[in-house]
Amino acid sequence: MAQTAAGNVWFKFNGEKVDAGSVIDILSLCCVQHSEIEIEIETPEDMNVLDEIIGYFKTGFGETEHE
């Protein structure tokens, strides 16, 4: 989703800021379930991308919890 943005999209966690369009960068954050991250966009025209990413987080990335 971040790769479709007009500008850069960033994820921030524990003082580190990474390119949200890079899987390797995202993995380097070492976030665990229920971590709180910040998402930053560079241009207002990417609000739709931001909303899409937030929605993806809110729905658990399409996964269901297993007991």
PDB file of N, CA and C in Angstrom:
ATOM      1  N   MET A   1       0.820  -1.193   0.000  1.00  0.00           N
ATOM      2  CA  MET A   1       0.000   0.000   0.000  1.00  0.00           C
ATOM      3  C   MET A   1       0.863   1.255   0.000  1.00  0.00           C
ATOM      4  N   ALA A   2       1.909   1.254   0.809  1.00  0.00           N
ATOM      5  CA  ALA A   2       2.775   2.432   0.903  1.00  0.00           C
ATOM      6  C   ALA A   2       3.476   2.713  -0.426  1.00  0.00           C
ATOM      7  N   GLN A   3       3.711   1.678  -1.195  1.00  0.00           N
ATOM      8  CA  GLN A   3       4.396   1.855  -2.476  1.00  0.00           C
ATOM      9  C   GLN A   3       3.522   2.577  -3.503  1.00  0.00           C
ATOM     10  N   THR A   4       2.221   2.626  -3.271  1.00  0.00           N
ATOM     11  CA  THR A   4       1.322   3.313  -4.193  1.00  0.00           C
ATOM     12  C   THR A   4       1.202   4.801  -3.881  1.00  0.00           C
ATOM     13  N   ALA A   5       1.766   5.236  -2.757  1.00  0.00           N
ATOM     14  CA  ALA A   5       1.670   6.638  -2.333  1.00  0.00           C
ATOM     15  C   ALA A   5       2.493   7.546  -3.244  1.00  0.00           C
ATOM     16  N   ALA A   6       2.041   8.785  -3.371  1.00  0.00           N
ATOM     17  CA  ALA A   6       2.771   9.780  -4.167  1.00  0.00           C
ATOM     18  C   ALA A   6       4.079  10.174  -3.479  1.00  0.00           C
ATOM     19  N   GLY A   7       4.039  10.262  -2.150  1.00  0.00           N
ATOM     20  CA  GLY A   7       5.228  10.591  -1.362  1.00  0.00           C
ATOM     21  C   GLY A   7       5.637   9.406  -0.514  1.00  0.00           C
ATOM     22  N   ASN A   8       6.563   9.635   0.381  1.00  0.00           N
ATOM     23  CA  ASN A   8       7.012   8.563   1.277  1.00  0.00           C
ATOM     24  C   ASN A   8       6.015   8.340   2.399  1.00  0.00           C
ATOM     25  N   VAL A   9       5.961   7.091   2.849  1.00  0.00           N
ATOM     26  CA  VAL A   9       5.173   6.710   4.014  1.00  0.00           C
ATOM     27  C   VAL A   9       6.165   6.085   4.990  1.00  0.00           C
ATOM     28  N   TRP A  10       6.071   6.488   6.254  1.00  0.00           N
ATOM     29  CA  TRP A  10       7.016   6.030   7.264  1.00  0.00           C
ATOM     30  C   TRP A  10       6.285   5.369   8.418  1.00  0.00           C
ATOM     31  N   PHE A  11       6.912   4.343   8.997  1.00  0.00           N
ATOM     32  CA  PHE A  11       6.466   3.756  10.257  1.00  0.00           C
ATOM     33  C   PHE A  11       7.492   4.158  11.303  1.00  0.00           C
ATOM     34  N   LYS A  12       7.009   4.558  12.491  1.00  0.00           N
ATOM     35  CA  LYS A  12       7.895   4.926  13.593  1.00  0.00           C
ATOM     36  C   LYS A  12       7.579   4.039  14.791  1.00  0.00           C
ATOM     37  N   PHE A  13       8.644   3.531  15.412  1.00  0.00           N
ATOM     38  CA  PHE A  13       8.492   2.682  16.594  1.00  0.00           C
ATOM     39  C   PHE A  13       9.762   2.772  17.424  1.00  0.00           C
ATOM     40  N   ASN A  14       9.613   3.043  18.695  1.00  0.00           N
ATOM     41  CA  ASN A  14      10.744   3.131  19.625  1.00  0.00           C
ATOM     42  C   ASN A  14      11.861   4.040  19.115  1.00  0.00           C
ATOM     43  N   GLY A  15      11.504   5.180  18.587  1.00  0.00           N
ATOM     44  CA  GLY A  15      12.481   6.150  18.128  1.00  0.00           C
ATOM     45  C   GLY A  15      13.101   5.864  16.771  1.00  0.00           C
ATOM     46  N   GLU A  16      12.691   4.775  16.144  1.00  0.00           N
ATOM     47  CA  GLU A  16      13.220   4.435  14.829  1.00  0.00           C
ATOM     48  C   GLU A  16      12.165   4.719  13.759  1.00  0.00           C
ATOM     49  N   LYS A  17      12.587   5.239  12.628  1.00  0.00           N
ATOM     50  CA  LYS A  17      11.692   5.592  11.528  1.00  0.00           C
ATOM     51  C   LYS A  17      12.141   4.826  10.287  1.00  0.00           C
ATOM     52  N   VAL A  18      11.203   4.054   9.691  1.00  0.00           N
ATOM     53  CA  VAL A  18      11.560   3.243   8.532  1.00  0.00           C
ATOM     54  C   VAL A  18      10.583   3.461   7.387  1.00  0.00           C
ATOM     55  N   ASP A  19      11.027   3.120   6.206  1.00  0.00           N
ATOM     56  CA  ASP A  19      10.227   3.205   4.985  1.00  0.00           C
ATOM     57  C   ASP A  19       9.143   2.131   5.022  1.00  0.00           C
ATOM     58  N   ALA A  20       7.882   2.555   5.028  1.00  0.00           N
ATOM     59  CA  ALA A  20       6.763   1.610   5.090  1.00  0.00           C
ATOM     60  C   ALA A  20       6.599   0.820   3.795  1.00  0.00           C
ATOM     61  N   GLY A  21       7.301   1.216   2.755  1.00  0.00           N
ATOM     62  CA  GLY A  21       7.248   0.497   1.492  1.00  0.00           C
ATOM     63  C   GLY A  21       8.270  -0.618   1.396  1.00  0.00           C
ATOM     64  N   SER A  22       9.083  -0.790   2.433  1.00  0.00           N
ATOM     65  CA  SER A  22      10.135  -1.803   2.436  1.00  0.00           C
ATOM     66  C   SER A  22       9.859  -2.864   3.496  1.00  0.00           C
ATOM     67  N   VAL A  23       9.638  -4.087   3.060  1.00  0.00           N
ATOM     68  CA  VAL A  23       9.367  -5.177   3.995  1.00  0.00           C
ATOM     69  C   VAL A  23      10.544  -5.372   4.945  1.00  0.00           C
ATOM     70  N   ILE A  24      11.750  -5.293   4.424  1.00  0.00           N
ATOM     71  CA  ILE A  24      12.942  -5.462   5.264  1.00  0.00           C
ATOM     72  C   ILE A  24      12.985  -4.378   6.346  1.00  0.00           C
ATOM     73  N   ASP A  25      12.714  -3.132   5.968  1.00  0.00           N
ATOM     74  CA  ASP A  25      12.703  -2.042   6.946  1.00  0.00           C
ATOM     75  C   ASP A  25      11.637  -2.272   8.007  1.00  0.00           C
ATOM     76  N   ILE A  26      10.458  -2.692   7.586  1.00  0.00           N
ATOM     77  CA  ILE A  26       9.368  -2.944   8.538  1.00  0.00           C
ATOM     78  C   ILE A  26       9.768  -4.037   9.523  1.00  0.00           C
ATOM     79  N   LEU A  27      10.343  -5.117   9.014  1.00  0.00           N
ATOM     80  CA  LEU A  27      10.768  -6.215   9.886  1.00  0.00           C
ATOM     81  C   LEU A  27      11.846  -5.772  10.869  1.00  0.00           C
ATOM     82  N   SER A  28      12.672  -4.813  10.466  1.00  0.00           N
ATOM     83  CA  SER A  28      13.748  -4.351  11.345  1.00  0.00           C
ATOM     84  C   SER A  28      13.219  -3.637  12.586  1.00  0.00           C
ATOM     85  N   LEU A  29      11.959  -3.220  12.580  1.00  0.00           N
ATOM     86  CA  LEU A  29      11.370  -2.569  13.751  1.00  0.00           C
ATOM     87  C   LEU A  29      11.137  -3.544  14.894  1.00  0.00           C
ATOM     88  N   CYS A  30      11.017  -4.833  14.581  1.00  0.00           N
ATOM     89  CA  CYS A  30      10.814  -5.882  15.597  1.00  0.00           C
ATOM     90  C   CYS A  30       9.583  -5.608  16.466  1.00  0.00           C
ATOM     91  N   CYS A  31       8.503  -5.160  15.855  1.00  0.00           N
ATOM     92  CA  CYS A  31       7.258  -4.922  16.584  1.00  0.00           C
ATOM     93  C   CYS A  31       6.594  -6.262  16.898  1.00  0.00           C
ATOM     94  N   VAL A  32       6.054  -6.350  18.078  1.00  0.00           N
ATOM     95  CA  VAL A  32       5.278  -7.530  18.450  1.00  0.00           C
ATOM     96  C   VAL A  32       3.799  -7.154  18.434  1.00  0.00           C
ATOM     97  N   GLN A  33       2.959  -8.159  18.522  1.00  0.00           N
ATOM     98  CA  GLN A  33       1.521  -7.916  18.518  1.00  0.00           C
ATOM     99  C   GLN A  33       1.155  -6.912  19.603  1.00  0.00           C
ATOM    100  N   HIS A  34       0.273  -5.998  19.279  1.00  0.00           N
ATOM    101  CA  HIS A  34      -0.232  -4.935  20.152  1.00  0.00           C
ATOM    102  C   HIS A  34       0.768  -3.797  20.352  1.00  0.00           C
ATOM    103  N   SER A  35       1.854  -3.767  19.581  1.00  0.00           N
ATOM    104  CA  SER A  35       2.770  -2.624  19.627  1.00  0.00           C
ATOM    105  C   SER A  35       2.051  -1.403  19.061  1.00  0.00           C
ATOM    106  N   GLU A  36       2.383  -0.239  19.570  1.00  0.00           N
ATOM    107  CA  GLU A  36       1.834   1.003  19.037  1.00  0.00           C
ATOM    108  C   GLU A  36       2.889   1.653  18.159  1.00  0.00           C
ATOM    109  N   ILE A  37       2.520   1.903  16.914  1.00  0.00           N
ATOM    110  CA  ILE A  37       3.432   2.560  15.992  1.00  0.00           C
ATOM    111  C   ILE A  37       2.789   3.849  15.505  1.00  0.00           C
ATOM    112  N   GLU A  38       3.612   4.718  14.952  1.00  0.00           N
ATOM    113  CA  GLU A  38       3.113   5.920  14.295  1.00  0.00           C
ATOM    114  C   GLU A  38       3.277   5.730  12.799  1.00  0.00           C
ATOM    115  N   ILE A  39       2.340   6.272  12.038  1.00  0.00           N
ATOM    116  CA  ILE A  39       2.422   6.234  10.583  1.00  0.00           C
ATOM    117  C   ILE A  39       2.464   7.675  10.112  1.00  0.00           C
ATOM    118  N   GLU A  40       3.428   7.974   9.273  1.00  0.00           N
ATOM    119  CA  GLU A  40       3.612   9.347   8.796  1.00  0.00           C
ATOM    120  C   GLU A  40       3.585   9.367   7.272  1.00  0.00           C
ATOM    121  N   ILE A  41       2.844  10.320   6.717  1.00  0.00           N
ATOM    122  CA  ILE A  41       2.843  10.537   5.267  1.00  0.00           C
ATOM    123  C   ILE A  41       3.452  11.902   4.996  1.00  0.00           C
ATOM    124  N   GLU A  42       4.013  12.061   3.799  1.00  0.00           N
ATOM    125  CA  GLU A  42       4.667  13.326   3.471  1.00  0.00           C
ATOM    126  C   GLU A  42       3.748  14.306   2.752  1.00  0.00           C
ATOM    127  N   THR A  43       2.724  13.798   2.072  1.00  0.00           N
ATOM    128  CA  THR A  43       1.854  14.688   1.308  1.00  0.00           C
ATOM    129  C   THR A  43       0.394  14.436   1.657  1.00  0.00           C
ATOM    130  N   PRO A  44      -0.397  15.496   1.768  1.00  0.00           N
ATOM    131  CA  PRO A  44      -1.813  15.352   2.091  1.00  0.00           C
ATOM    132  C   PRO A  44      -2.580  14.503   1.069  1.00  0.00           C
ATOM    133  N   GLU A  45      -2.103  14.455  -0.152  1.00  0.00           N
ATOM    134  CA  GLU A  45      -2.798  13.654  -1.169  1.00  0.00           C
ATOM    135  C   GLU A  45      -2.729  12.156  -0.882  1.00  0.00           C
ATOM    136  N   ASP A  46      -1.907  11.757   0.083  1.00  0.00           N
ATOM    137  CA  ASP A  46      -1.795  10.341   0.440  1.00  0.00           C
ATOM    138  C   ASP A  46      -2.665   9.953   1.635  1.00  0.00           C
ATOM    139  N   MET A  47      -3.626  10.809   1.985  1.00  0.00           N
ATOM    140  CA  MET A  47      -4.530  10.476   3.094  1.00  0.00           C
ATOM    141  C   MET A  47      -5.278   9.179   2.833  1.00  0.00           C
ATOM    142  N   ASN A  48      -5.624   8.909   1.573  1.00  0.00           N
ATOM    143  CA  ASN A  48      -6.319   7.658   1.260  1.00  0.00           C
ATOM    144  C   ASN A  48      -5.428   6.454   1.543  1.00  0.00           C
ATOM    145  N   VAL A  49      -4.142   6.575   1.269  1.00  0.00           N
ATOM    146  CA  VAL A  49      -3.194   5.492   1.557  1.00  0.00           C
ATOM    147  C   VAL A  49      -3.078   5.312   3.070  1.00  0.00           C
ATOM    148  N   LEU A  50      -2.980   6.423   3.795  1.00  0.00           N
ATOM    149  CA  LEU A  50      -2.918   6.361   5.250  1.00  0.00           C
ATOM    150  C   LEU A  50      -4.154   5.674   5.810  1.00  0.00           C
ATOM    151  N   ASP A  51      -5.327   6.056   5.339  1.00  0.00           N
ATOM    152  CA  ASP A  51      -6.577   5.432   5.799  1.00  0.00           C
ATOM    153  C   ASP A  51      -6.603   3.940   5.497  1.00  0.00           C
ATOM    154  N   GLU A  52      -6.097   3.565   4.328  1.00  0.00           N
ATOM    155  CA  GLU A  52      -6.067   2.151   3.942  1.00  0.00           C
ATOM    156  C   GLU A  52      -5.136   1.350   4.867  1.00  0.00           C
ATOM    157  N   ILE A  53      -3.975   1.912   5.172  1.00  0.00           N
ATOM    158  CA  ILE A  53      -3.028   1.228   6.066  1.00  0.00           C
ATOM    159  C   ILE A  53      -3.616   1.112   7.468  1.00  0.00           C
ATOM    160  N   ILE A  54      -4.215   2.179   7.970  1.00  0.00           N
ATOM    161  CA  ILE A  54      -4.836   2.136   9.301  1.00  0.00           C
ATOM    162  C   ILE A  54      -5.926   1.074   9.340  1.00  0.00           C
ATOM    163  N   GLY A  55      -6.749   1.018   8.300  1.00  0.00           N
ATOM    164  CA  GLY A  55      -7.797   0.003   8.238  1.00  0.00           C
ATOM    165  C   GLY A  55      -7.233  -1.403   8.258  1.00  0.00           C
ATOM    166  N   TYR A  56      -6.120  -1.592   7.580  1.00  0.00           N
ATOM    167  CA  TYR A  56      -5.465  -2.902   7.549  1.00  0.00           C
ATOM    168  C   TYR A  56      -4.989  -3.295   8.939  1.00  0.00           C
ATOM    169  N   PHE A  57      -4.412  -2.347   9.683  1.00  0.00           N
ATOM    170  CA  PHE A  57      -3.992  -2.616  11.054  1.00  0.00           C
ATOM    171  C   PHE A  57      -5.194  -2.945  11.934  1.00  0.00           C
ATOM    172  N   LYS A  58      -6.259  -2.147  11.799  1.00  0.00           N
ATOM    173  CA  LYS A  58      -7.444  -2.336  12.646  1.00  0.00           C
ATOM    174  C   LYS A  58      -8.119  -3.677  12.430  1.00  0.00           C
ATOM    175  N   THR A  59      -8.028  -4.222  11.228  1.00  0.00           N
ATOM    176  CA  THR A  59      -8.669  -5.510  10.956  1.00  0.00           C
ATOM    177  C   THR A  59      -7.727  -6.688  11.177  1.00  0.00           C
ATOM    178  N   GLY A  60      -6.562  -6.427  11.755  1.00  0.00           N
ATOM    179  CA  GLY A  60      -5.643  -7.507  12.079  1.00  0.00           C
ATOM    180  C   GLY A  60      -4.975  -8.120  10.859  1.00  0.00           C
ATOM    181  N   PHE A  61      -4.793  -7.316   9.821  1.00  0.00           N
ATOM    182  CA  PHE A  61      -4.108  -7.752   8.590  1.00  0.00           C
ATOM    183  C   PHE A  61      -4.838  -8.909   7.912  1.00  0.00           C
ATOM    184  N   GLY A  62      -6.134  -9.024   8.180  1.00  0.00           N
ATOM    185  CA  GLY A  62      -6.926 -10.075   7.549  1.00  0.00           C
ATOM    186  C   GLY A  62      -6.775 -11.430   8.203  1.00  0.00           C
ATOM    187  N   GLU A  63      -6.056 -11.487   9.324  1.00  0.00           N
ATOM    188  CA  GLU A  63      -5.852 -12.752  10.017  1.00  0.00           C
ATOM    189  C   GLU A  63      -6.879 -12.895  11.138  1.00  0.00           C
ATOM    190  N   THR A  64      -7.107 -14.104  11.549  1.00  0.00           N
ATOM    191  CA  THR A  64      -7.984 -14.371  12.688  1.00  0.00           C
ATOM    192  C   THR A  64      -7.135 -14.895  13.823  1.00  0.00           C
ATOM    193  N   GLU A  65      -7.562 -14.604  15.033  1.00  0.00           N
ATOM    194  CA  GLU A  65      -6.808 -15.077  16.213  1.00  0.00           C
ATOM    195  C   GLU A  65      -7.085 -16.541  16.442  1.00  0.00           C
ATOM    196  N   HIS A  66      -6.045 -17.249  16.816  1.00  0.00           N
ATOM    197  CA  HIS A  66      -6.158 -18.679  17.124  1.00  0.00           C
ATOM    198  C   HIS A  66      -5.942 -18.875  18.608  1.00  0.00           C
ATOM    199  N   GLU A  67      -6.686 -19.813  19.154  1.00  0.00           N
ATOM    200  CA  GLU A  67      -6.539 -20.083  20.594  1.00  0.00           C
ATOM    201  C   GLU A  67      -5.635 -21.253  20.817  1.00  0.00           C
TER     202      GLU A  67
END
